[in-house]
Each structure stands twice: as C-alpha cells, then as structure tokens.
Amino acid sequence: MSPEPTSVQRLFVRQKLTAMVNRYAVHAVDDAGGEGPLIAFAQQKGSSASP
C-alpha cells in the first residue's frame, strides 16, 4: 500500500536558464522559513530559435 501524500504549504522554486537547458528545482520550505529538501526537479531543452 502506498504512503499517504504529504501536504506542503510553501515552496521555493529555483530556475537556472542557460543557452542549452532550462532547469527548475522545487524545494519545500523548512520550519525556519529556509530552503528545505528538494521535492521536484525538471529540465527543459533550451530554445534554439534564431533572432
């Protein structure tokens, strides 16, 4: 049986954009209001469109 999902009220989302890849890291907020554990990560191929 799967564990019950945990509710998170606040999140930190960090975005890093480069020419080749866009990366996003989602962290829970810890009890002190700081960045807590990583809970999600996404990576998107960068845009190759010419100006």
N, C-alpha and C. Protein backbone atom coordinates (compact mmCIF):
# COMPACT_ATOMS: atom_id res chain seq x y z
N MET A 1 0.83 -1.18 0.00
CA MET A 1 0.00 0.00 0.00
C MET A 1 0.88 1.24 0.00
N SER A 2 0.52 2.26 -0.78
CA SER A 2 1.31 3.49 -0.89
C SER A 2 1.12 4.37 0.33
N PRO A 3 2.18 5.12 0.72
CA PRO A 3 2.02 6.05 1.83
C PRO A 3 1.13 7.22 1.43
N GLU A 4 0.52 7.82 2.41
CA GLU A 4 -0.34 8.98 2.16
C GLU A 4 0.52 10.16 1.66
N PRO A 5 0.02 10.94 0.70
CA PRO A 5 0.78 12.11 0.24
C PRO A 5 0.88 13.15 1.35
N THR A 6 1.96 13.90 1.34
CA THR A 6 2.19 14.94 2.32
C THR A 6 1.80 16.29 1.74
N SER A 7 1.17 17.13 2.52
CA SER A 7 0.78 18.46 2.09
C SER A 7 1.90 19.44 2.39
N VAL A 8 2.26 20.23 1.38
CA VAL A 8 3.27 21.27 1.54
C VAL A 8 2.60 22.61 1.25
N GLN A 9 2.72 23.56 2.17
CA GLN A 9 2.04 24.84 2.03
C GLN A 9 2.85 25.87 1.23
N ARG A 10 4.17 25.85 1.38
CA ARG A 10 5.01 26.83 0.70
C ARG A 10 6.16 26.12 0.00
N LEU A 11 6.56 26.69 -1.13
CA LEU A 11 7.63 26.09 -1.94
C LEU A 11 8.63 27.16 -2.36
N PHE A 12 9.87 26.76 -2.55
CA PHE A 12 10.89 27.57 -3.21
C PHE A 12 11.08 26.96 -4.59
N VAL A 13 11.06 27.79 -5.63
CA VAL A 13 11.34 27.31 -6.97
C VAL A 13 12.56 28.06 -7.47
N ARG A 14 13.59 27.32 -7.83
CA ARG A 14 14.82 27.90 -8.38
C ARG A 14 14.86 27.58 -9.86
N GLN A 15 15.16 28.60 -10.64
CA GLN A 15 15.23 28.45 -12.08
C GLN A 15 16.64 28.80 -12.54
N LYS A 16 17.24 27.97 -13.37
CA LYS A 16 18.54 28.26 -13.95
C LYS A 16 18.38 28.15 -15.46
N LEU A 17 18.59 29.28 -16.14
CA LEU A 17 18.46 29.32 -17.59
C LEU A 17 19.85 29.36 -18.21
N THR A 18 20.07 28.50 -19.18
CA THR A 18 21.31 28.52 -19.95
C THR A 18 20.93 28.48 -21.43
N ALA A 19 21.91 28.59 -22.30
CA ALA A 19 21.64 28.55 -23.74
C ALA A 19 21.11 27.19 -24.18
N MET A 20 21.50 26.14 -23.47
CA MET A 20 21.13 24.78 -23.89
C MET A 20 19.98 24.16 -23.10
N VAL A 21 19.90 24.47 -21.79
CA VAL A 21 18.94 23.78 -20.92
C VAL A 21 18.36 24.75 -19.90
N ASN A 22 17.08 24.63 -19.64
CA ASN A 22 16.42 25.34 -18.55
C ASN A 22 16.16 24.33 -17.44
N ARG A 23 16.59 24.65 -16.22
CA ARG A 23 16.43 23.72 -15.10
C ARG A 23 15.61 24.39 -14.01
N TYR A 24 14.76 23.61 -13.39
CA TYR A 24 13.90 24.07 -12.31
C TYR A 24 14.01 23.10 -11.15
N ALA A 25 14.26 23.63 -9.95
CA ALA A 25 14.33 22.81 -8.75
C ALA A 25 13.28 23.34 -7.77
N VAL A 26 12.46 22.45 -7.24
CA VAL A 26 11.41 22.81 -6.30
C VAL A 26 11.77 22.25 -4.94
N HIS A 27 11.83 23.13 -3.94
CA HIS A 27 12.17 22.74 -2.58
C HIS A 27 11.01 23.06 -1.65
N ALA A 28 10.80 22.22 -0.66
CA ALA A 28 9.87 22.54 0.42
C ALA A 28 10.51 23.63 1.27
N VAL A 29 9.70 24.35 2.02
CA VAL A 29 10.20 25.34 2.96
C VAL A 29 10.31 24.67 4.33
N ASP A 30 11.48 24.82 4.97
CA ASP A 30 11.65 24.18 6.27
C ASP A 30 10.98 25.00 7.38
N ASP A 31 11.02 24.49 8.61
CA ASP A 31 10.34 25.13 9.74
C ASP A 31 10.86 26.53 10.04
N ALA A 32 12.12 26.80 9.70
CA ALA A 32 12.72 28.12 9.95
C ALA A 32 12.45 29.09 8.80
N GLY A 33 11.74 28.64 7.76
CA GLY A 33 11.42 29.51 6.63
C GLY A 33 12.48 29.48 5.54
N GLY A 34 13.47 28.60 5.69
CA GLY A 34 14.53 28.49 4.70
C GLY A 34 14.23 27.39 3.69
N GLU A 35 15.16 27.22 2.78
CA GLU A 35 15.02 26.20 1.74
C GLU A 35 15.19 24.82 2.34
N GLY A 36 14.18 23.99 2.18
CA GLY A 36 14.21 22.65 2.72
C GLY A 36 14.63 21.63 1.67
N PRO A 37 14.19 20.39 1.81
CA PRO A 37 14.61 19.33 0.90
C PRO A 37 14.05 19.51 -0.52
N LEU A 38 14.80 19.02 -1.48
CA LEU A 38 14.37 19.02 -2.87
C LEU A 38 13.21 18.04 -3.02
N ILE A 39 12.10 18.50 -3.61
CA ILE A 39 10.96 17.61 -3.79
C ILE A 39 10.62 17.38 -5.26
N ALA A 40 11.17 18.21 -6.16
CA ALA A 40 10.92 18.02 -7.59
C ALA A 40 12.02 18.69 -8.40
N PHE A 41 12.28 18.14 -9.58
CA PHE A 41 13.27 18.69 -10.48
C PHE A 41 12.76 18.52 -11.90
N ALA A 42 12.90 19.57 -12.71
CA ALA A 42 12.50 19.49 -14.12
C ALA A 42 13.60 20.09 -14.98
N GLN A 43 13.74 19.56 -16.17
CA GLN A 43 14.73 20.06 -17.10
C GLN A 43 14.08 20.17 -18.46
N GLN A 44 14.26 21.31 -19.12
CA GLN A 44 13.66 21.57 -20.42
C GLN A 44 14.76 21.97 -21.39
N LYS A 45 14.72 21.39 -22.56
CA LYS A 45 15.69 21.74 -23.58
C LYS A 45 15.52 23.22 -23.93
N GLY A 46 16.64 23.94 -24.05
CA GLY A 46 16.60 25.37 -24.35
C GLY A 46 16.08 25.66 -25.74
N SER A 47 15.69 26.89 -25.95
CA SER A 47 15.16 27.32 -27.24
C SER A 47 16.30 27.43 -28.24
N SER A 48 16.05 26.97 -29.45
CA SER A 48 17.06 27.07 -30.50
C SER A 48 16.64 28.04 -31.59
N ALA A 49 15.65 28.89 -31.29
CA ALA A 49 15.16 29.85 -32.27
C ALA A 49 16.18 30.96 -32.50
N SER A 50 16.36 31.37 -33.74
CA SER A 50 17.27 32.45 -34.10
C SER A 50 16.53 33.78 -34.01
N PRO A 51 17.26 34.86 -33.66
CA PRO A 51 16.61 36.19 -33.61
C PRO A 51 16.22 36.68 -34.98
